[in-house]
């Protein structure tokens, strides 16, 4: 079962995703939290701590897994009957992938050689590799056992950003969300903390 949860910044999408996880743990599922964020600066480190503190205070016994790049391979290993996985979030995974294409950046720690491959390629090659990684990710979703809840940002409702990389991010995020929504069993848009059902199995 794949459930895509979309929302803007501070929309309540992560909290809603955790509410869905709680419904599964009440049925006896074990819970796994897959974090795609990287603490590359103080502000992001503070955001990560905020999420960590929130999870520490809830009633879910989380297994935490950090995976900034090799998300598909990680989910294939983690998914199993009786387990619910919350991935937070797909747009940070996309950012990691796009930024890994800049040779000036150090590749993120991962159990895959994908980061090294991307970091040593041209920007064009990195974009092509991202699109291949996205296709592999979307293609793998319906074969995953158990329940997978995917959090993603809805970034297409604002103005077109300045800068090539920013525009590329918005385009790729929109296409990623469309591709995942097409194969997901359920899709929910969260606005101001309120879930709006877009697709239901």
N, C-alpha and C. Protein backbone atom coordinates (compact mmCIF):
# COMPACT_ATOMS: atom_id res chain seq x y z
N UNK A 1 0.85 -1.18 0.00
CA UNK A 1 0.00 0.00 0.00
C UNK A 1 0.89 1.24 0.00
N UNK A 2 0.69 2.10 -0.98
CA UNK A 2 1.47 3.33 -1.10
C UNK A 2 0.53 4.50 -0.87
N UNK A 3 0.92 5.39 0.07
CA UNK A 3 0.13 6.59 0.36
C UNK A 3 1.05 7.79 0.20
N UNK A 4 0.74 8.66 -0.76
CA UNK A 4 1.48 9.89 -0.98
C UNK A 4 0.79 11.03 -0.24
N UNK A 5 1.55 11.74 0.57
CA UNK A 5 1.03 12.89 1.32
C UNK A 5 1.75 14.13 0.84
N UNK A 6 1.00 15.05 0.23
CA UNK A 6 1.56 16.28 -0.31
C UNK A 6 1.17 17.46 0.56
N UNK A 7 1.99 18.50 0.52
CA UNK A 7 1.65 19.74 1.22
C UNK A 7 2.77 20.75 1.10
N UNK A 8 2.44 21.99 1.35
CA UNK A 8 3.44 23.04 1.33
C UNK A 8 4.23 23.08 2.64
N UNK A 9 5.12 24.06 2.73
CA UNK A 9 5.91 24.22 3.95
C UNK A 9 4.99 24.52 5.13
N UNK A 10 5.21 23.81 6.22
CA UNK A 10 4.43 23.98 7.45
C UNK A 10 2.93 23.77 7.24
N UNK A 11 2.61 22.88 6.34
CA UNK A 11 1.20 22.58 6.07
C UNK A 11 0.65 21.55 7.05
N UNK A 12 1.54 20.81 7.72
CA UNK A 12 1.10 19.73 8.60
C UNK A 12 1.20 18.36 7.95
N UNK A 13 1.88 18.29 6.81
CA UNK A 13 1.95 17.02 6.07
C UNK A 13 2.71 15.95 6.83
N UNK A 14 3.81 16.32 7.49
CA UNK A 14 4.57 15.32 8.25
C UNK A 14 3.76 14.81 9.44
N UNK A 15 3.09 15.72 10.12
CA UNK A 15 2.25 15.33 11.26
C UNK A 15 1.13 14.40 10.80
N UNK A 16 0.55 14.72 9.65
CA UNK A 16 -0.52 13.84 9.13
C UNK A 16 0.05 12.47 8.77
N UNK A 17 1.23 12.44 8.18
CA UNK A 17 1.87 11.17 7.87
C UNK A 17 2.09 10.33 9.12
N UNK A 18 2.49 10.98 10.20
CA UNK A 18 2.69 10.27 11.45
C UNK A 18 1.36 9.76 12.02
N UNK A 19 0.29 10.49 11.79
CA UNK A 19 -1.03 10.03 12.20
C UNK A 19 -1.41 8.75 11.46
N UNK A 20 -1.08 8.69 10.16
CA UNK A 20 -1.34 7.48 9.39
C UNK A 20 -0.52 6.31 9.94
N UNK A 21 0.74 6.58 10.28
CA UNK A 21 1.59 5.52 10.84
C UNK A 21 0.97 4.98 12.12
N UNK A 22 0.45 5.88 12.95
CA UNK A 22 -0.15 5.46 14.22
C UNK A 22 -1.33 4.52 14.00
N UNK A 23 -2.07 4.72 12.92
CA UNK A 23 -3.17 3.81 12.61
C UNK A 23 -2.66 2.39 12.33
N UNK A 24 -1.51 2.31 11.69
CA UNK A 24 -0.92 1.00 11.40
C UNK A 24 -0.32 0.37 12.65
N UNK A 25 0.36 1.16 13.47
CA UNK A 25 0.96 0.58 14.67
C UNK A 25 -0.12 0.08 15.63
N UNK A 26 -1.31 0.69 15.60
CA UNK A 26 -2.42 0.21 16.42
C UNK A 26 -2.87 -1.18 15.98
N UNK A 27 -2.54 -1.54 14.74
CA UNK A 27 -2.87 -2.87 14.21
C UNK A 27 -1.73 -3.86 14.40
N UNK A 28 -0.65 -3.40 15.04
CA UNK A 28 0.47 -4.29 15.31
C UNK A 28 1.65 -4.15 14.37
N UNK A 29 1.59 -3.20 13.44
CA UNK A 29 2.72 -2.97 12.54
C UNK A 29 3.89 -2.36 13.31
N UNK A 30 5.12 -2.69 12.89
CA UNK A 30 6.26 -1.94 13.40
C UNK A 30 6.51 -0.76 12.47
N UNK A 31 7.11 0.30 13.01
CA UNK A 31 7.23 1.56 12.28
C UNK A 31 8.68 1.90 11.99
N UNK A 32 8.93 2.30 10.76
CA UNK A 32 10.26 2.69 10.32
C UNK A 32 10.19 4.09 9.73
N UNK A 33 11.08 4.96 10.18
CA UNK A 33 11.15 6.34 9.68
C UNK A 33 12.39 6.47 8.82
N UNK A 34 12.21 6.76 7.53
CA UNK A 34 13.33 6.95 6.63
C UNK A 34 13.49 8.45 6.39
N UNK A 35 14.59 9.00 6.88
CA UNK A 35 14.86 10.43 6.77
C UNK A 35 15.82 10.67 5.61
N UNK A 36 15.44 11.59 4.73
CA UNK A 36 16.30 11.90 3.58
C UNK A 36 17.09 13.19 3.80
N UNK A 37 16.83 13.91 4.88
CA UNK A 37 17.49 15.19 5.12
C UNK A 37 18.95 15.01 5.50
N UNK A 38 19.74 16.01 5.14
CA UNK A 38 21.14 16.08 5.55
C UNK A 38 21.37 17.39 6.29
N UNK A 39 22.05 17.34 7.42
CA UNK A 39 22.31 18.54 8.22
C UNK A 39 23.55 19.25 7.67
N UNK A 40 23.39 19.92 6.53
CA UNK A 40 24.52 20.56 5.88
C UNK A 40 24.77 21.97 6.38
N UNK A 41 23.83 22.52 7.15
CA UNK A 41 24.03 23.84 7.76
C UNK A 41 23.27 23.87 9.08
N UNK A 42 23.49 24.95 9.84
CA UNK A 42 22.89 25.04 11.17
C UNK A 42 21.37 25.09 11.12
N UNK A 43 20.84 25.78 10.11
CA UNK A 43 19.38 25.90 10.02
C UNK A 43 18.74 24.55 9.75
N UNK A 44 19.32 23.77 8.84
CA UNK A 44 18.77 22.44 8.56
C UNK A 44 18.95 21.52 9.77
N UNK A 45 20.08 21.63 10.45
CA UNK A 45 20.30 20.82 11.66
C UNK A 45 19.23 21.13 12.70
N UNK A 46 18.84 22.40 12.81
CA UNK A 46 17.78 22.78 13.75
C UNK A 46 16.44 22.19 13.35
N UNK A 47 16.14 22.19 12.04
CA UNK A 47 14.89 21.59 11.56
C UNK A 47 14.85 20.08 11.86
N UNK A 48 15.98 19.43 11.63
CA UNK A 48 16.06 17.99 11.89
C UNK A 48 15.83 17.70 13.36
N UNK A 49 16.45 18.51 14.24
CA UNK A 49 16.28 18.31 15.68
C UNK A 49 14.82 18.49 16.09
N UNK A 50 14.14 19.46 15.46
CA UNK A 50 12.72 19.69 15.76
C UNK A 50 11.90 18.45 15.45
N UNK A 51 12.15 17.83 14.29
CA UNK A 51 11.45 16.60 13.94
C UNK A 51 11.83 15.46 14.90
N UNK A 52 13.10 15.36 15.24
CA UNK A 52 13.55 14.31 16.16
C UNK A 52 12.89 14.45 17.52
N UNK A 53 12.82 15.69 18.01
CA UNK A 53 12.20 15.93 19.32
C UNK A 53 10.72 15.56 19.29
N UNK A 54 10.06 15.88 18.19
CA UNK A 54 8.64 15.53 18.07
C UNK A 54 8.43 14.03 18.09
N UNK A 55 9.29 13.29 17.37
CA UNK A 55 9.14 11.84 17.36
C UNK A 55 9.47 11.23 18.72
N UNK A 56 10.40 11.84 19.43
CA UNK A 56 10.78 11.32 20.75
C UNK A 56 9.63 11.42 21.74
N UNK A 57 8.72 12.37 21.50
CA UNK A 57 7.62 12.58 22.44
C UNK A 57 6.34 11.84 22.05
N UNK A 58 6.32 11.23 20.84
CA UNK A 58 5.10 10.54 20.47
C UNK A 58 5.11 9.10 20.99
N UNK A 59 4.05 8.37 20.69
CA UNK A 59 3.90 7.02 21.25
C UNK A 59 4.28 5.94 20.24
N UNK A 60 5.04 6.31 19.21
CA UNK A 60 5.46 5.34 18.20
C UNK A 60 6.89 4.91 18.47
N UNK A 61 7.13 3.63 18.45
CA UNK A 61 8.48 3.10 18.63
C UNK A 61 9.16 3.06 17.26
N UNK A 62 9.80 4.16 16.89
CA UNK A 62 10.38 4.32 15.56
C UNK A 62 11.70 3.59 15.41
N UNK A 63 11.91 2.98 14.26
CA UNK A 63 13.24 2.58 13.81
C UNK A 63 13.68 3.66 12.83
N UNK A 64 14.75 4.38 13.14
CA UNK A 64 15.20 5.47 12.28
C UNK A 64 16.26 4.99 11.31
N UNK A 65 16.07 5.33 10.04
CA UNK A 65 17.05 5.04 8.99
C UNK A 65 17.30 6.33 8.23
N UNK A 66 18.55 6.71 8.07
CA UNK A 66 18.89 7.90 7.30
C UNK A 66 19.39 7.47 5.92
N UNK A 67 18.74 7.98 4.88
CA UNK A 67 19.13 7.62 3.51
C UNK A 67 18.94 8.82 2.58
N UNK A 68 19.98 9.59 2.34
CA UNK A 68 19.85 10.78 1.49
C UNK A 68 19.80 10.49 0.01
N UNK A 69 20.31 9.37 -0.46
CA UNK A 69 20.42 9.14 -1.90
C UNK A 69 19.85 7.80 -2.37
N UNK A 70 20.24 6.71 -1.79
CA UNK A 70 19.88 5.38 -2.31
C UNK A 70 18.53 4.92 -1.77
N UNK A 71 17.50 5.72 -2.01
CA UNK A 71 16.19 5.49 -1.39
C UNK A 71 15.52 4.22 -1.90
N UNK A 72 15.59 3.98 -3.19
CA UNK A 72 14.92 2.81 -3.76
C UNK A 72 15.48 1.52 -3.18
N UNK A 73 16.81 1.41 -3.19
CA UNK A 73 17.45 0.21 -2.66
C UNK A 73 17.14 0.03 -1.19
N UNK A 74 17.12 1.13 -0.44
CA UNK A 74 16.85 1.05 1.00
C UNK A 74 15.42 0.58 1.25
N UNK A 75 14.46 1.12 0.51
CA UNK A 75 13.08 0.70 0.71
C UNK A 75 12.87 -0.76 0.35
N UNK A 76 13.54 -1.24 -0.68
CA UNK A 76 13.42 -2.65 -1.05
C UNK A 76 13.89 -3.55 0.09
N UNK A 77 14.92 -3.11 0.81
CA UNK A 77 15.43 -3.92 1.93
C UNK A 77 14.54 -3.81 3.16
N UNK A 78 13.95 -2.64 3.37
CA UNK A 78 13.19 -2.42 4.60
C UNK A 78 11.75 -2.92 4.53
N UNK A 79 11.13 -2.80 3.37
CA UNK A 79 9.70 -3.10 3.26
C UNK A 79 9.43 -4.58 3.50
N UNK A 80 8.41 -4.86 4.29
CA UNK A 80 8.00 -6.24 4.55
C UNK A 80 6.59 -6.23 5.12
N UNK A 81 5.90 -7.35 5.07
CA UNK A 81 4.57 -7.42 5.67
C UNK A 81 4.63 -7.07 7.15
N UNK A 82 3.64 -6.33 7.63
CA UNK A 82 3.60 -5.97 9.04
C UNK A 82 4.47 -4.79 9.40
N UNK A 83 4.98 -4.08 8.41
CA UNK A 83 5.80 -2.89 8.68
C UNK A 83 5.22 -1.71 7.91
N UNK A 84 5.17 -0.55 8.57
CA UNK A 84 4.81 0.71 7.92
C UNK A 84 6.06 1.59 7.89
N UNK A 85 6.35 2.13 6.71
CA UNK A 85 7.52 2.98 6.51
C UNK A 85 7.04 4.39 6.18
N UNK A 86 7.58 5.36 6.89
CA UNK A 86 7.31 6.77 6.59
C UNK A 86 8.58 7.36 6.00
N UNK A 87 8.49 7.87 4.77
CA UNK A 87 9.63 8.52 4.11
C UNK A 87 9.39 10.02 4.15
N UNK A 88 10.29 10.74 4.78
CA UNK A 88 10.17 12.19 4.90
C UNK A 88 11.52 12.83 4.55
N UNK A 89 11.66 13.43 3.37
CA UNK A 89 10.62 13.53 2.36
C UNK A 89 11.22 13.36 0.96
N UNK A 90 10.35 13.20 -0.03
CA UNK A 90 10.79 12.96 -1.40
C UNK A 90 11.48 14.18 -2.00
N UNK A 91 11.06 15.38 -1.63
CA UNK A 91 11.67 16.55 -2.24
C UNK A 91 13.06 16.82 -1.69
N UNK A 92 13.34 16.42 -0.46
CA UNK A 92 14.73 16.50 0.02
C UNK A 92 15.59 15.46 -0.69
N UNK A 93 15.03 14.29 -0.94
CA UNK A 93 15.75 13.27 -1.73
C UNK A 93 16.08 13.83 -3.11
N UNK A 94 15.12 14.49 -3.75
CA UNK A 94 15.37 15.12 -5.04
C UNK A 94 16.47 16.16 -4.94
N UNK A 95 16.42 17.02 -3.93
CA UNK A 95 17.47 18.03 -3.74
C UNK A 95 18.84 17.39 -3.61
N UNK A 96 18.91 16.34 -2.81
CA UNK A 96 20.19 15.64 -2.62
C UNK A 96 20.72 15.12 -3.95
N UNK A 97 19.83 14.57 -4.75
CA UNK A 97 20.23 14.02 -6.04
C UNK A 97 20.75 15.11 -6.98
N UNK A 98 20.02 16.23 -7.06
CA UNK A 98 20.42 17.30 -7.95
C UNK A 98 21.72 17.95 -7.50
N UNK A 99 21.88 18.16 -6.19
CA UNK A 99 23.10 18.79 -5.68
C UNK A 99 24.30 17.86 -5.76
N UNK A 100 24.05 16.56 -5.73
CA UNK A 100 25.16 15.61 -5.85
C UNK A 100 25.81 15.70 -7.22
N UNK A 101 25.11 16.30 -8.19
CA UNK A 101 25.65 16.45 -9.53
C UNK A 101 26.67 17.57 -9.64
N UNK A 102 26.83 18.36 -8.58
CA UNK A 102 27.83 19.43 -8.58
C UNK A 102 29.13 18.87 -8.04
N UNK A 103 30.19 18.76 -8.87
CA UNK A 103 31.44 18.15 -8.41
C UNK A 103 32.08 18.86 -7.23
N UNK A 104 31.67 20.11 -6.96
CA UNK A 104 32.25 20.83 -5.82
C UNK A 104 31.71 20.31 -4.50
N UNK A 105 30.60 19.60 -4.56
CA UNK A 105 29.99 19.07 -3.34
C UNK A 105 30.53 17.68 -3.03
N UNK A 106 30.71 17.39 -1.77
CA UNK A 106 31.06 16.05 -1.36
C UNK A 106 29.82 15.18 -1.42
N UNK A 107 29.90 13.98 -1.98
CA UNK A 107 28.72 13.12 -2.00
C UNK A 107 28.31 12.72 -0.59
N UNK A 108 27.02 12.60 -0.39
CA UNK A 108 26.50 12.22 0.92
C UNK A 108 26.87 10.78 1.23
N UNK A 109 26.95 10.49 2.53
CA UNK A 109 27.21 9.12 2.97
C UNK A 109 26.03 8.24 2.58
N UNK A 110 26.30 7.10 1.96
CA UNK A 110 25.24 6.21 1.53
C UNK A 110 25.82 4.82 1.34
N UNK A 111 24.97 3.82 1.32
CA UNK A 111 25.46 2.46 1.13
C UNK A 111 25.49 2.08 -0.34
N UNK A 112 25.35 3.07 -1.21
CA UNK A 112 25.38 2.84 -2.65
C UNK A 112 26.49 3.66 -3.27
N UNK A 113 27.02 3.21 -4.40
CA UNK A 113 28.04 4.00 -5.09
C UNK A 113 27.40 5.04 -6.00
N UNK A 114 26.07 5.21 -5.89
CA UNK A 114 25.37 6.16 -6.74
C UNK A 114 25.89 7.58 -6.52
N UNK A 115 26.15 7.95 -5.26
CA UNK A 115 26.60 9.31 -4.96
C UNK A 115 27.92 9.61 -5.66
N UNK A 116 28.84 8.66 -5.65
CA UNK A 116 30.13 8.87 -6.28
C UNK A 116 29.97 9.01 -7.78
N UNK A 117 29.14 8.18 -8.36
CA UNK A 117 28.90 8.24 -9.80
C UNK A 117 28.34 9.59 -10.20
N UNK A 118 27.34 10.08 -9.45
CA UNK A 118 26.71 11.35 -9.79
C UNK A 118 27.68 12.51 -9.59
N UNK A 119 28.44 12.48 -8.50
CA UNK A 119 29.31 13.60 -8.17
C UNK A 119 30.43 13.79 -9.19
N UNK A 120 30.78 12.76 -9.93
CA UNK A 120 31.86 12.88 -10.89
C UNK A 120 31.35 13.06 -12.32
N UNK A 121 30.05 13.20 -12.49
CA UNK A 121 29.48 13.36 -13.82
C UNK A 121 29.16 14.82 -14.09
N UNK A 122 28.85 15.14 -15.32
CA UNK A 122 28.45 16.50 -15.68
C UNK A 122 27.04 16.75 -15.17
N UNK A 123 26.63 18.02 -15.17
CA UNK A 123 25.28 18.35 -14.73
C UNK A 123 24.24 17.66 -15.61
N UNK A 124 24.50 17.61 -16.90
CA UNK A 124 23.55 16.95 -17.81
C UNK A 124 23.44 15.48 -17.48
N UNK A 125 24.59 14.84 -17.27
CA UNK A 125 24.58 13.42 -16.91
C UNK A 125 23.88 13.20 -15.57
N UNK A 126 24.10 14.14 -14.63
CA UNK A 126 23.47 14.01 -13.31
C UNK A 126 21.96 14.08 -13.43
N UNK A 127 21.46 14.97 -14.29
CA UNK A 127 20.01 15.07 -14.48
C UNK A 127 19.47 13.80 -15.11
N UNK A 128 20.19 13.27 -16.09
CA UNK A 128 19.77 12.01 -16.72
C UNK A 128 19.78 10.88 -15.69
N UNK A 129 20.78 10.86 -14.82
CA UNK A 129 20.83 9.81 -13.79
C UNK A 129 19.72 9.98 -12.77
N UNK A 130 19.38 11.25 -12.44
CA UNK A 130 18.25 11.47 -11.54
C UNK A 130 16.97 10.91 -12.15
N UNK A 131 16.76 11.18 -13.43
CA UNK A 131 15.53 10.72 -14.07
C UNK A 131 15.48 9.19 -14.14
N UNK A 132 16.63 8.58 -14.29
CA UNK A 132 16.67 7.11 -14.25
C UNK A 132 16.36 6.62 -12.84
N UNK A 133 16.97 7.29 -11.84
CA UNK A 133 16.70 6.90 -10.44
C UNK A 133 15.23 7.07 -10.10
N UNK A 134 14.61 8.15 -10.61
CA UNK A 134 13.18 8.38 -10.37
C UNK A 134 12.35 7.27 -11.00
N UNK A 135 12.68 6.91 -12.23
CA UNK A 135 11.94 5.84 -12.91
C UNK A 135 12.05 4.52 -12.15
N UNK A 136 13.25 4.22 -11.65
CA UNK A 136 13.45 2.99 -10.87
C UNK A 136 12.66 3.05 -9.57
N UNK A 137 12.63 4.22 -8.94
CA UNK A 137 11.89 4.39 -7.69
C UNK A 137 10.39 4.17 -7.91
N UNK A 138 9.84 4.86 -8.89
CA UNK A 138 8.40 4.74 -9.16
C UNK A 138 8.06 3.32 -9.57
N UNK A 139 8.91 2.70 -10.38
CA UNK A 139 8.66 1.34 -10.82
C UNK A 139 8.70 0.32 -9.70
N UNK A 140 9.44 0.63 -8.63
CA UNK A 140 9.59 -0.31 -7.51
C UNK A 140 8.47 -0.19 -6.49
N UNK A 141 7.74 0.91 -6.49
CA UNK A 141 6.81 1.18 -5.39
C UNK A 141 5.77 0.09 -5.19
N UNK A 142 5.09 -0.33 -6.23
CA UNK A 142 3.99 -1.28 -6.06
C UNK A 142 4.45 -2.69 -5.74
N UNK A 143 5.76 -2.94 -5.84
CA UNK A 143 6.28 -4.24 -5.44
C UNK A 143 6.67 -4.28 -3.96
N UNK A 144 6.63 -3.13 -3.29
CA UNK A 144 7.02 -3.08 -1.89
C UNK A 144 5.94 -3.69 -1.01
N UNK A 145 6.34 -4.52 -0.08
CA UNK A 145 5.38 -5.14 0.84
C UNK A 145 5.12 -4.22 2.03
N UNK A 146 4.04 -4.48 2.72
CA UNK A 146 3.68 -3.64 3.86
C UNK A 146 3.07 -2.33 3.39
N UNK A 147 3.24 -1.29 4.20
CA UNK A 147 2.68 0.03 3.89
C UNK A 147 3.82 1.05 3.82
N UNK A 148 3.76 1.92 2.82
CA UNK A 148 4.77 2.96 2.66
C UNK A 148 4.04 4.30 2.51
N UNK A 149 4.38 5.22 3.40
CA UNK A 149 3.81 6.56 3.37
C UNK A 149 4.90 7.53 2.95
N UNK A 150 4.67 8.23 1.86
CA UNK A 150 5.67 9.11 1.26
C UNK A 150 5.24 10.56 1.45
N UNK A 151 6.09 11.35 2.08
CA UNK A 151 5.82 12.77 2.27
C UNK A 151 6.54 13.54 1.17
N UNK A 152 5.85 14.51 0.57
CA UNK A 152 6.48 15.32 -0.48
C UNK A 152 5.91 16.73 -0.45
N UNK A 153 6.73 17.69 -0.84
CA UNK A 153 6.31 19.08 -0.89
C UNK A 153 5.59 19.37 -2.18
N UNK A 154 4.50 20.10 -2.08
CA UNK A 154 3.83 20.64 -3.26
C UNK A 154 4.41 22.04 -3.49
N UNK A 155 5.27 22.15 -4.49
CA UNK A 155 6.02 23.40 -4.68
C UNK A 155 5.58 24.17 -5.92
N UNK A 156 4.58 23.67 -6.64
CA UNK A 156 4.22 24.27 -7.91
C UNK A 156 3.17 25.36 -7.83
N UNK A 157 2.77 25.77 -6.65
CA UNK A 157 1.70 26.75 -6.53
C UNK A 157 2.19 28.19 -6.42
N UNK A 158 3.50 28.36 -6.32
CA UNK A 158 4.05 29.71 -6.18
C UNK A 158 4.55 30.26 -7.49
N UNK A 159 5.36 31.32 -7.41
CA UNK A 159 5.92 31.94 -8.60
C UNK A 159 7.05 31.08 -9.16
N UNK A 160 7.37 31.28 -10.44
CA UNK A 160 8.50 30.58 -11.04
C UNK A 160 9.77 31.17 -10.44
N UNK A 161 10.63 30.36 -9.82
CA UNK A 161 11.80 30.91 -9.13
C UNK A 161 12.88 31.38 -10.09
N UNK A 162 13.76 32.25 -9.58
CA UNK A 162 14.92 32.68 -10.34
C UNK A 162 16.02 31.64 -10.18
N UNK A 163 16.85 31.49 -11.18
CA UNK A 163 17.97 30.56 -11.10
C UNK A 163 17.66 29.24 -11.75
N UNK A 164 18.59 28.74 -12.54
CA UNK A 164 18.38 27.51 -13.30
C UNK A 164 18.12 26.32 -12.39
N UNK A 165 18.94 26.16 -11.35
CA UNK A 165 18.78 24.99 -10.48
C UNK A 165 17.44 25.03 -9.75
N UNK A 166 17.02 26.22 -9.32
CA UNK A 166 15.74 26.34 -8.61
C UNK A 166 14.57 25.98 -9.53
N UNK A 167 14.62 26.47 -10.77
CA UNK A 167 13.55 26.13 -11.71
C UNK A 167 13.57 24.63 -12.03
N UNK A 168 14.77 24.08 -12.15
CA UNK A 168 14.90 22.64 -12.41
C UNK A 168 14.31 21.84 -11.26
N UNK A 169 14.55 22.29 -10.03
CA UNK A 169 14.01 21.60 -8.86
C UNK A 169 12.49 21.61 -8.88
N UNK A 170 11.88 22.77 -9.15
CA UNK A 170 10.42 22.86 -9.17
C UNK A 170 9.84 21.94 -10.25
N UNK A 171 10.46 21.95 -11.43
CA UNK A 171 9.98 21.08 -12.52
C UNK A 171 10.08 19.62 -12.12
N UNK A 172 11.24 19.22 -11.63
CA UNK A 172 11.46 17.81 -11.30
C UNK A 172 10.59 17.37 -10.13
N UNK A 173 10.37 18.27 -9.16
CA UNK A 173 9.50 17.93 -8.03
C UNK A 173 8.07 17.70 -8.50
N UNK A 174 7.60 18.55 -9.40
CA UNK A 174 6.25 18.38 -9.93
C UNK A 174 6.10 17.08 -10.69
N UNK A 175 7.09 16.76 -11.53
CA UNK A 175 7.02 15.51 -12.29
C UNK A 175 7.14 14.29 -11.38
N UNK A 176 7.97 14.40 -10.33
CA UNK A 176 8.09 13.30 -9.38
C UNK A 176 6.76 13.06 -8.68
N UNK A 177 6.13 14.13 -8.20
CA UNK A 177 4.85 13.98 -7.51
C UNK A 177 3.79 13.38 -8.43
N UNK A 178 3.76 13.81 -9.68
CA UNK A 178 2.78 13.26 -10.62
C UNK A 178 3.01 11.76 -10.84
N UNK A 179 4.28 11.38 -11.00
CA UNK A 179 4.60 9.98 -11.27
C UNK A 179 4.24 9.09 -10.08
N UNK A 180 4.55 9.57 -8.87
CA UNK A 180 4.23 8.79 -7.67
C UNK A 180 2.73 8.73 -7.46
N UNK A 181 2.04 9.85 -7.66
CA UNK A 181 0.59 9.88 -7.48
C UNK A 181 -0.12 8.92 -8.43
N UNK A 182 0.44 8.76 -9.62
CA UNK A 182 -0.20 7.87 -10.61
C UNK A 182 -0.21 6.42 -10.16
N UNK A 183 0.80 6.00 -9.39
CA UNK A 183 0.87 4.60 -8.97
C UNK A 183 0.44 4.39 -7.51
N UNK A 184 0.29 5.49 -6.76
CA UNK A 184 -0.07 5.38 -5.34
C UNK A 184 -1.51 4.89 -5.19
N UNK A 185 -1.75 4.17 -4.10
CA UNK A 185 -3.11 3.75 -3.78
C UNK A 185 -3.93 4.92 -3.25
N UNK A 186 -3.28 5.76 -2.44
CA UNK A 186 -3.95 6.91 -1.83
C UNK A 186 -3.06 8.14 -1.98
N UNK A 187 -3.70 9.28 -2.23
CA UNK A 187 -2.99 10.56 -2.30
C UNK A 187 -3.79 11.56 -1.48
N UNK A 188 -3.09 12.26 -0.57
CA UNK A 188 -3.73 13.26 0.28
C UNK A 188 -2.95 14.56 0.20
N UNK A 189 -3.65 15.66 0.03
CA UNK A 189 -3.06 16.99 0.08
C UNK A 189 -3.41 17.61 1.43
N UNK A 190 -2.38 18.07 2.15
CA UNK A 190 -2.61 18.68 3.46
C UNK A 190 -2.44 20.20 3.32
N UNK A 191 -3.47 20.93 3.72
CA UNK A 191 -3.46 22.39 3.67
C UNK A 191 -3.88 22.91 5.03
N UNK A 192 -3.04 23.74 5.65
CA UNK A 192 -3.35 24.30 6.97
C UNK A 192 -3.73 23.23 7.99
N UNK A 193 -3.04 22.08 7.89
CA UNK A 193 -3.27 20.99 8.82
C UNK A 193 -4.48 20.13 8.51
N UNK A 194 -5.17 20.44 7.41
CA UNK A 194 -6.38 19.69 7.06
C UNK A 194 -6.13 18.81 5.86
N UNK A 195 -6.38 17.50 5.99
CA UNK A 195 -6.15 16.58 4.88
C UNK A 195 -7.29 16.60 3.86
N UNK A 196 -6.92 16.73 2.60
CA UNK A 196 -7.88 16.68 1.50
C UNK A 196 -7.58 15.46 0.66
N UNK A 197 -8.52 14.55 0.57
CA UNK A 197 -8.30 13.30 -0.18
C UNK A 197 -8.37 13.58 -1.66
N UNK A 198 -7.28 13.28 -2.37
CA UNK A 198 -7.23 13.43 -3.83
C UNK A 198 -7.45 12.10 -4.54
N UNK A 199 -7.06 11.02 -3.90
CA UNK A 199 -7.18 9.69 -4.49
C UNK A 199 -7.31 8.69 -3.36
N UNK A 200 -8.24 7.77 -3.51
CA UNK A 200 -8.47 6.79 -2.45
C UNK A 200 -8.71 5.42 -3.06
N UNK A 201 -8.08 4.40 -2.49
CA UNK A 201 -8.23 3.05 -3.02
C UNK A 201 -9.53 2.42 -2.53
